[in-house]
Amino acid sequence: MSDTLLATLRAADLATLCWRDDGGAAHEGSFAEFANALGARSCVVLVDATLVSLMRVELPVSDLRTARQAAPYAVEEQLAQSLDELHFALAAEGNGRYVVAALAKDLREQLREALHSHGLQPRLVIAEQCALPCAPHSWTVTLEGQDVLLRIERGVAFKTTLSELGHLIPLLRQQFPDTARVVVHAGAAPADFPRAALQGLEVLWQPLLSDAQRLAQLEHETALALLDASADTALVAKSRRLWRMAAVVAALALVALPAMLAWRHAVLERNEHAVSARNDALFRATFPDIQRIVNPRVQADQALAALRAGASTTPRLLDVLARLDALRAKSFPPDTRVTQAAFASGALELGVEVAGMDAVETLRSALNDAGLNADTLSAEASDGKVVARLRVQVGS
């Protein structure tokens, strides 16, 4: 019997987990059913790749604490939600490179509550794509039914469908020209797999990754943990200790209130000086070129604006794809099918097939509402459908 069960939280039903038993048979059930199947064993929970954004960023800082403060602002333009709505996890790769995982805070709290209410304390809660191995100049692909999970680098991964994979591969080969090998994990090679799109690359077919293989890979990804559910019991005990301390302090305050207030004032002053010193050190570490600090907020905005102005203003293909991927499931009109994609000069030209002319406008409005500038290049009715071309780019 395995000491650890691996369960996956799917985006389609946040109240259901999927797992395999020791014999390899697939199961799907509620958190309570999973807890019953788990027994005394430990578990690891994977969060559906469509719910977690995985990104790579380069920062001019070397310490992890400063990087955690700066990373969200560095990836802000790649995200569909505001920074206040997201929880971030960070892993260092060295030489100023970091991998960032972003998950909605409300979803994180919902998952924490579901785990806690059913007595589940996972060793690790992490993005589904982190369980795929990755190697230089190599892609890892897993096929399960129509779902395709693809990992190119530690901080670059996508979840798509088999029908869309053929359109995505040429764009990724353009973005990653050094790719030499593609490792495909599948139960069997599907007939509609886009082999022609991988022409010239070494394609290796292997069985689906076992839970043991995925757990072994996750040992290298623990820094990207999205939730530490195992800490709940410790937090409860700590809260009780704090309440007891508060009761003692309140009793002392009734006896010696003047002395208590004076002591508290002194503590607050020390804390204020310590926080000010830490803020000053963080500011100087993040913006070493600023020698004289007058108004930190204004100076930080000016420095960030200067950095953005010095960077390339042409969006990367991955930036546009990340924004589209976040919108596809919840905002695209029903029966929308991508038939063509071409990327040049920071803009992605999409060919789509939709149910009617009103669906074209609905799709364009959804893209614009999400901060993507979308223009309809053409729209023609054909065989009861409407075939349209749209030009999409980040920003105005």
Protein backbone atom coordinates (compact mmCIF):
# COMPACT_ATOMS: atom_id res chain seq x y z
CA MET A 1 0.00 0.00 0.00
CA SER A 2 1.32 3.46 -0.95
CA ASP A 3 2.08 5.76 1.99
CA THR A 4 0.81 8.80 0.05
CA LEU A 5 -2.29 9.30 -2.10
CA LEU A 6 -2.24 11.90 -4.88
CA ALA A 7 -5.54 13.72 -5.51
CA THR A 8 -6.44 16.36 -8.10
CA LEU A 9 -8.92 19.21 -7.71
CA ARG A 10 -10.56 19.79 -11.12
CA ALA A 11 -11.75 23.24 -12.22
CA ALA A 12 -15.08 21.82 -13.40
CA ASP A 13 -16.17 20.83 -9.87
CA LEU A 14 -14.40 22.35 -6.88
CA ALA A 15 -16.24 20.03 -4.48
CA THR A 16 -14.80 16.88 -6.08
CA LEU A 17 -11.36 15.23 -5.97
CA CYS A 18 -9.94 12.66 -8.41
CA TRP A 19 -7.46 9.98 -7.31
CA ARG A 20 -6.19 6.47 -8.05
CA ASP A 21 -6.11 3.58 -5.62
CA ASP A 22 -3.13 1.27 -5.10
CA GLY A 23 -4.31 -0.89 -8.00
CA GLY A 24 -4.33 2.08 -10.39
CA ALA A 25 -8.14 2.31 -10.63
CA ALA A 26 -9.47 5.86 -11.02
CA HIS A 27 -11.88 7.29 -8.42
CA GLU A 28 -13.84 10.53 -8.20
CA GLY A 29 -15.66 11.71 -5.10
CA SER A 30 -16.23 14.33 -2.46
CA PHE A 31 -13.65 15.47 0.09
CA ALA A 32 -15.37 13.22 2.65
CA GLU A 33 -15.10 10.19 0.34
CA PHE A 34 -11.44 10.92 -0.29
CA ALA A 35 -10.79 11.26 3.46
CA ASN A 36 -12.42 7.88 3.98
CA ALA A 37 -10.28 6.27 1.25
CA LEU A 38 -7.15 7.95 2.63
CA GLY A 39 -7.39 6.47 6.11
CA ALA A 40 -4.18 7.01 8.08
CA ARG A 41 -2.05 7.74 5.01
CA SER A 42 -0.73 11.15 3.97
CA CYS A 43 -1.84 12.93 0.81
CA VAL A 44 -0.82 15.52 -1.75
CA VAL A 45 -3.41 17.69 -3.54
CA LEU A 46 -2.88 19.00 -7.07
CA VAL A 47 -4.86 22.07 -8.19
CA ASP A 48 -6.11 22.08 -11.81
CA ALA A 49 -3.64 23.86 -14.10
CA THR A 50 -6.36 26.19 -15.41
CA LEU A 51 -6.77 27.61 -11.89
CA VAL A 52 -3.07 28.38 -11.28
CA SER A 53 -0.85 30.68 -13.36
CA LEU A 54 2.76 29.51 -13.56
CA MET A 55 5.27 32.12 -14.75
CA ARG A 56 9.00 32.85 -14.86
CA VAL A 57 10.42 36.26 -14.00
CA GLU A 58 13.87 37.87 -13.77
CA LEU A 59 14.49 40.35 -10.94
CA PRO A 60 17.54 42.47 -10.07
CA VAL A 61 17.51 41.13 -6.49
CA SER A 62 19.30 38.20 -4.87
CA ASP A 63 17.47 37.61 -1.58
CA LEU A 64 14.21 35.65 -1.57
CA ARG A 65 12.39 38.00 0.79
CA THR A 66 12.85 41.01 -1.50
CA ALA A 67 11.95 38.87 -4.52
CA ARG A 68 8.65 37.88 -2.90
CA GLN A 69 7.80 41.57 -2.50
CA ALA A 70 8.72 42.51 -6.07
CA ALA A 71 7.63 39.44 -8.10
CA PRO A 72 3.85 40.13 -8.14
CA TYR A 73 4.43 43.55 -9.70
CA ALA A 74 6.78 42.06 -12.30
CA VAL A 75 4.12 39.58 -13.54
CA GLU A 76 1.09 41.87 -13.10
CA GLU A 77 0.56 42.38 -16.85
CA GLN A 78 0.38 38.59 -17.42
CA LEU A 79 -2.54 38.17 -15.01
CA ALA A 80 -6.26 38.62 -15.61
CA GLN A 81 -6.99 39.45 -11.92
CA SER A 82 -5.72 42.28 -9.75
CA LEU A 83 -2.81 41.56 -7.41
CA ASP A 84 -5.01 42.08 -4.33
CA GLU A 85 -7.14 39.08 -5.39
CA LEU A 86 -4.21 36.66 -5.78
CA HIS A 87 -1.93 34.59 -3.56
CA PHE A 88 1.64 34.10 -4.82
CA ALA A 89 4.24 31.38 -4.25
CA LEU A 90 7.87 31.86 -5.31
CA ALA A 91 10.79 29.54 -6.06
CA ALA A 92 14.34 30.69 -6.83
CA GLU A 93 16.20 29.24 -9.82
CA GLY A 94 19.42 31.24 -9.41
CA ASN A 95 21.01 34.21 -11.21
CA GLY A 96 18.00 36.42 -10.48
CA ARG A 97 15.48 34.03 -12.08
CA TYR A 98 12.36 32.98 -10.18
CA VAL A 99 9.28 30.85 -10.82
CA VAL A 100 5.98 32.37 -9.65
CA ALA A 101 2.68 30.54 -9.06
CA ALA A 102 -0.50 32.61 -8.65
CA LEU A 103 -3.85 31.38 -7.27
CA ALA A 104 -7.03 33.34 -6.48
CA LYS A 105 -7.24 34.07 -2.74
CA ASP A 106 -10.94 33.20 -2.52
CA LEU A 107 -10.31 29.82 -4.16
CA ARG A 108 -7.37 29.21 -1.82
CA GLU A 109 -9.54 29.91 1.25
CA GLN A 110 -12.34 27.74 -0.14
CA LEU A 111 -9.89 24.86 -0.57
CA ARG A 112 -8.39 25.42 2.90
CA GLU A 113 -11.85 25.29 4.49
CA ALA A 114 -12.84 22.14 2.56
CA LEU A 115 -9.67 20.34 3.63
CA HIS A 116 -9.93 21.46 7.26
CA SER A 117 -13.63 20.59 7.61
CA HIS A 118 -12.93 17.01 6.49
CA GLY A 119 -9.82 16.55 8.63
CA LEU A 120 -7.45 16.50 5.65
CA GLN A 121 -3.90 17.75 6.21
CA PRO A 122 -2.01 17.36 2.89
CA ARG A 123 1.77 17.28 2.87
CA LEU A 124 1.59 19.59 -0.14
CA VAL A 125 -0.99 21.59 -2.11
CA ILE A 126 0.49 22.62 -5.45
CA ALA A 127 -0.31 23.31 -9.11
CA GLU A 128 -1.05 20.27 -11.28
CA GLN A 129 1.59 21.22 -13.86
CA CYS A 130 4.36 21.07 -11.23
CA ALA A 131 4.04 17.27 -11.20
CA LEU A 132 5.38 17.07 -14.77
CA PRO A 133 9.17 16.67 -15.18
CA CYS A 134 11.01 19.17 -17.34
CA ALA A 135 14.44 19.16 -18.97
CA PRO A 136 16.42 21.64 -21.11
CA HIS A 137 15.34 21.79 -24.78
CA SER A 138 12.59 19.28 -24.05
CA TRP A 139 8.79 19.39 -23.66
CA THR A 140 6.74 17.05 -21.49
CA VAL A 141 3.18 16.33 -22.63
CA THR A 142 0.50 14.24 -20.90
CA LEU A 143 -2.69 13.14 -22.67
CA GLU A 144 -5.76 12.06 -20.70
CA GLY A 145 -8.83 11.92 -22.90
CA GLN A 146 -9.13 15.31 -24.60
CA ASP A 147 -7.12 17.11 -21.90
CA VAL A 148 -3.51 18.01 -22.70
CA LEU A 149 -1.02 19.22 -20.08
CA LEU A 150 2.23 20.56 -21.52
CA ARG A 151 5.30 21.76 -19.61
CA ILE A 152 8.17 23.42 -21.47
CA GLU A 153 10.21 24.90 -18.66
CA ARG A 154 9.84 25.02 -14.90
CA GLY A 155 7.89 28.25 -15.15
CA VAL A 156 6.18 27.66 -18.52
CA ALA A 157 3.22 25.26 -18.72
CA PHE A 158 -0.19 25.10 -20.39
CA LYS A 159 -3.40 23.10 -20.18
CA THR A 160 -5.34 22.85 -23.42
CA THR A 161 -7.37 20.37 -25.45
CA LEU A 162 -6.23 17.90 -28.08
CA SER A 163 -8.15 19.78 -30.78
CA GLU A 164 -6.30 23.02 -29.97
CA LEU A 165 -2.85 21.47 -29.56
CA GLY A 166 -2.10 21.53 -33.29
CA HIS A 167 -2.61 25.32 -33.40
CA LEU A 168 -0.53 25.90 -30.26
CA ILE A 169 2.57 23.86 -31.20
CA PRO A 170 3.76 26.05 -34.15
CA LEU A 171 3.50 29.16 -31.97
CA LEU A 172 5.48 27.52 -29.16
CA ARG A 173 8.14 26.27 -31.57
CA GLN A 174 8.53 29.85 -32.76
CA GLN A 175 8.89 31.03 -29.14
CA PHE A 176 11.24 28.17 -28.13
CA PRO A 177 13.40 27.47 -31.22
CA ASP A 178 15.96 25.40 -29.26
CA THR A 179 13.44 22.60 -28.61
CA ALA A 180 14.84 19.22 -29.68
CA ARG A 181 12.65 16.59 -28.02
CA VAL A 182 9.04 16.06 -26.98
CA VAL A 183 8.17 13.34 -24.45
CA VAL A 184 4.50 12.33 -24.66
CA HIS A 185 2.93 10.36 -21.80
CA ALA A 186 -0.31 8.69 -22.90
CA GLY A 187 -2.25 5.47 -22.55
CA ALA A 188 -2.28 5.18 -26.35
CA ALA A 189 -1.40 7.45 -29.26
CA PRO A 190 -4.65 9.18 -30.35
CA ALA A 191 -5.44 9.24 -34.05
CA ASP A 192 -5.92 13.03 -34.06
CA PHE A 193 -2.59 13.80 -32.38
CA PRO A 194 -0.88 16.61 -34.42
CA ARG A 195 2.23 14.69 -35.48
CA ALA A 196 2.88 16.96 -38.47
CA ALA A 197 3.27 19.99 -36.20
CA LEU A 198 6.20 18.21 -34.44
CA GLN A 199 8.01 17.35 -37.68
CA GLY A 200 11.78 17.57 -37.16
CA LEU A 201 11.64 16.99 -33.39
CA GLU A 202 12.39 13.73 -31.58
CA VAL A 203 9.05 12.48 -30.22
CA LEU A 204 9.16 9.80 -27.50
CA TRP A 205 5.96 7.99 -26.49
CA GLN A 206 5.84 6.73 -22.91
CA PRO A 207 3.14 5.40 -20.55
CA LEU A 208 1.19 7.83 -18.38
CA LEU A 209 3.17 9.10 -15.40
CA SER A 210 2.51 7.04 -12.30
CA ASP A 211 1.63 8.69 -8.99
CA ALA A 212 5.05 7.65 -7.70
CA GLN A 213 6.78 9.48 -10.59
CA ARG A 214 4.69 12.59 -10.07
CA LEU A 215 5.33 12.57 -6.32
CA ALA A 216 9.07 12.25 -6.99
CA GLN A 217 8.94 15.31 -9.27
CA LEU A 218 7.03 17.29 -6.64
CA GLU A 219 9.90 16.83 -4.19
CA HIS A 220 11.75 19.43 -6.31
CA GLU A 221 8.79 21.84 -6.41
CA THR A 222 7.85 22.27 -2.73
CA ALA A 223 8.80 25.97 -2.76
CA LEU A 224 5.75 26.56 -5.01
CA ALA A 225 3.30 25.21 -2.41
CA LEU A 226 -0.01 27.09 -2.59
CA LEU A 227 -1.28 26.14 0.86
CA ASP A 228 0.10 24.64 4.07
CA ALA A 229 -2.99 22.81 5.28
CA SER A 230 -0.92 20.76 7.73
CA ALA A 231 -0.38 23.88 9.85
CA ASP A 232 -4.05 24.21 10.87
CA THR A 233 -3.68 22.28 14.15
CA ALA A 234 -0.61 24.27 15.11
CA LEU A 235 -2.43 27.52 14.31
CA VAL A 236 -5.34 26.56 16.57
CA ALA A 237 -2.97 25.79 19.44
CA LYS A 238 -1.13 29.04 18.86
CA SER A 239 -4.42 30.97 18.88
CA ARG A 240 -5.35 29.44 22.24
CA ARG A 241 -2.00 30.46 23.70
CA LEU A 242 -2.51 34.00 22.43
CA TRP A 243 -5.97 34.20 24.03
CA ARG A 244 -4.56 33.07 27.37
CA MET A 245 -1.84 35.70 27.13
CA ALA A 246 -4.44 38.35 26.31
CA ALA A 247 -6.42 37.42 29.43
CA VAL A 248 -3.32 37.73 31.61
CA VAL A 249 -2.43 41.09 30.08
CA ALA A 250 -5.97 42.37 30.62
CA ALA A 251 -5.83 41.39 34.32
CA LEU A 252 -2.49 43.13 34.76
CA ALA A 253 -3.80 46.21 32.97
CA LEU A 254 -6.60 46.58 35.51
CA VAL A 255 -4.06 46.61 38.32
CA ALA A 256 -1.38 48.79 36.79
CA LEU A 257 -2.93 50.61 33.83
CA PRO A 258 -0.62 53.68 33.84
CA ALA A 259 2.52 51.55 33.81
CA MET A 260 1.04 49.30 31.14
CA LEU A 261 0.24 52.23 28.88
CA ALA A 262 3.74 53.63 29.24
CA TRP A 263 5.25 50.24 28.46
CA ARG A 264 2.96 49.80 25.47
CA HIS A 265 3.90 53.23 24.14
CA ALA A 266 7.59 52.36 24.35
CA VAL A 267 7.00 49.04 22.54
CA LEU A 268 5.06 50.75 19.77
CA GLU A 269 7.83 53.29 19.29
CA ARG A 270 10.43 50.53 19.00
CA ASN A 271 8.22 48.62 16.57
CA GLU A 272 7.69 51.74 14.49
CA HIS A 273 11.44 52.36 14.27
CA ALA A 274 12.05 48.69 13.36
CA VAL A 275 9.36 48.68 10.64
CA SER A 276 10.68 51.97 9.23
CA ALA A 277 14.21 50.55 9.12
CA ARG A 278 13.01 47.36 7.38
CA ASN A 279 10.98 49.36 4.85
CA ASP A 280 13.96 51.59 4.15
CA ALA A 281 16.24 48.55 3.66
CA LEU A 282 13.70 46.88 1.36
CA PHE A 283 13.28 50.04 -0.70
CA ARG A 284 17.05 50.50 -1.08
CA ALA A 285 17.55 46.82 -1.99
CA THR A 286 14.81 46.99 -4.62
CA PHE A 287 15.82 50.38 -6.04
CA PRO A 288 19.60 50.69 -5.41
CA ASP A 289 19.94 53.66 -7.81
CA ILE A 290 17.81 55.91 -5.57
CA GLN A 291 20.17 57.43 -3.02
CA ARG A 292 17.90 59.96 -1.29
CA ILE A 293 14.44 58.79 -0.20
CA VAL A 294 11.87 61.60 -0.01
CA ASN A 295 8.52 60.04 -0.93
CA PRO A 296 8.93 56.23 -1.26
CA ARG A 297 5.62 55.64 -3.03
CA VAL A 298 6.16 58.32 -5.68
CA GLN A 299 9.82 57.39 -6.18
CA ALA A 300 8.94 53.68 -6.51
CA ASP A 301 6.28 54.49 -9.14
CA GLN A 302 8.79 56.60 -11.04
CA ALA A 303 11.46 53.86 -10.91
CA LEU A 304 9.00 51.18 -12.07
CA ALA A 305 7.85 53.45 -14.89
CA ALA A 306 11.48 53.92 -15.95
CA LEU A 307 12.04 50.15 -15.92
CA ARG A 308 8.94 49.56 -18.02
CA ALA A 309 9.98 52.28 -20.46
CA GLY A 310 13.38 50.64 -20.86
CA ALA A 311 11.91 47.22 -21.46
CA SER A 312 10.51 45.98 -24.73
CA THR A 313 6.91 47.17 -25.24
CA THR A 314 6.09 44.34 -27.61
CA PRO A 315 4.17 41.66 -25.70
CA ARG A 316 5.50 38.11 -25.85
CA LEU A 317 3.42 35.33 -27.32
CA LEU A 318 3.20 33.73 -23.86
CA ASP A 319 1.76 36.94 -22.37
CA VAL A 320 -1.11 36.96 -24.88
CA LEU A 321 -1.70 33.19 -24.54
CA ALA A 322 -1.81 33.44 -20.75
CA ARG A 323 -4.51 36.11 -20.92
CA LEU A 324 -6.50 34.14 -23.52
CA ASP A 325 -6.23 30.93 -21.49
CA ALA A 326 -7.69 32.65 -18.42
CA LEU A 327 -10.69 33.85 -20.47
CA ARG A 328 -11.34 30.80 -22.64
CA ALA A 329 -13.33 28.69 -20.18
CA LYS A 330 -15.52 31.37 -18.58
CA SER A 331 -15.96 34.17 -21.16
CA PHE A 332 -15.85 32.69 -24.69
CA PRO A 333 -19.31 32.13 -26.29
CA PRO A 334 -20.47 28.47 -26.37
CA ASP A 335 -19.21 26.35 -29.30
CA THR A 336 -16.36 28.77 -30.06
CA ARG A 337 -13.60 26.94 -31.93
CA VAL A 338 -10.15 28.35 -32.75
CA THR A 339 -9.27 27.39 -36.32
CA GLN A 340 -6.14 29.43 -36.96
CA ALA A 341 -3.52 31.43 -35.03
CA ALA A 342 -0.61 33.59 -36.16
CA PHE A 343 1.63 35.81 -33.99
CA ALA A 344 3.67 38.78 -35.22
CA SER A 345 4.77 42.19 -33.86
CA GLY A 346 3.12 41.61 -30.48
CA ALA A 347 -0.31 40.79 -31.91
CA LEU A 348 -2.08 37.44 -32.22
CA GLU A 349 -4.36 36.94 -35.22
CA LEU A 350 -7.05 34.38 -34.40
CA GLY A 351 -9.32 32.54 -36.79
CA VAL A 352 -12.48 31.42 -34.97
CA GLU A 353 -15.69 29.59 -35.83
CA VAL A 354 -18.78 30.66 -33.86
CA ALA A 355 -22.54 30.14 -33.93
CA GLY A 356 -23.54 33.55 -35.30
CA MET A 357 -22.59 37.17 -35.92
CA ASP A 358 -23.67 38.16 -32.40
CA ALA A 359 -21.20 35.64 -30.98
CA VAL A 360 -18.34 37.44 -32.81
CA GLU A 361 -19.23 40.70 -31.05
CA THR A 362 -19.66 38.87 -27.72
CA LEU A 363 -16.18 37.33 -28.11
CA ARG A 364 -14.62 40.67 -29.06
CA SER A 365 -16.29 42.43 -26.10
CA ALA A 366 -15.09 39.73 -23.67
CA LEU A 367 -11.50 40.19 -24.88
CA ASN A 368 -11.70 43.99 -24.59
CA ASP A 369 -13.25 43.79 -21.09
CA ALA A 370 -10.27 41.69 -20.00
CA GLY A 371 -7.79 44.35 -21.13
CA LEU A 372 -6.98 42.77 -24.51
CA ASN A 373 -7.37 45.04 -27.53
CA ALA A 374 -9.42 42.98 -29.99
CA ASP A 375 -10.45 44.08 -33.51
CA THR A 376 -12.61 42.13 -35.94
CA LEU A 377 -10.75 41.84 -39.26
CA SER A 378 -13.44 39.85 -41.08
CA ALA A 379 -16.59 37.77 -40.46
CA GLU A 380 -18.36 35.57 -43.02
CA ALA A 381 -21.27 33.14 -42.74
CA SER A 382 -20.53 29.61 -43.93
CA ASP A 383 -22.51 26.35 -43.51
CA GLY A 384 -24.64 27.65 -40.62
CA LYS A 385 -21.56 29.01 -38.81
CA VAL A 386 -19.69 32.30 -38.86
CA VAL A 387 -15.97 32.25 -39.64
CA ALA A 388 -14.19 35.34 -38.31
CA ARG A 389 -10.68 36.70 -37.95
CA LEU A 390 -9.71 38.84 -34.94
CA ARG A 391 -6.52 40.69 -34.11
CA VAL A 392 -5.70 40.49 -30.37
CA GLN A 393 -2.96 42.21 -28.42
CA VAL A 394 -2.20 43.22 -24.84
CA GLY A 395 -3.12 46.78 -23.92
CA SER A 396 -4.57 49.49 -26.12
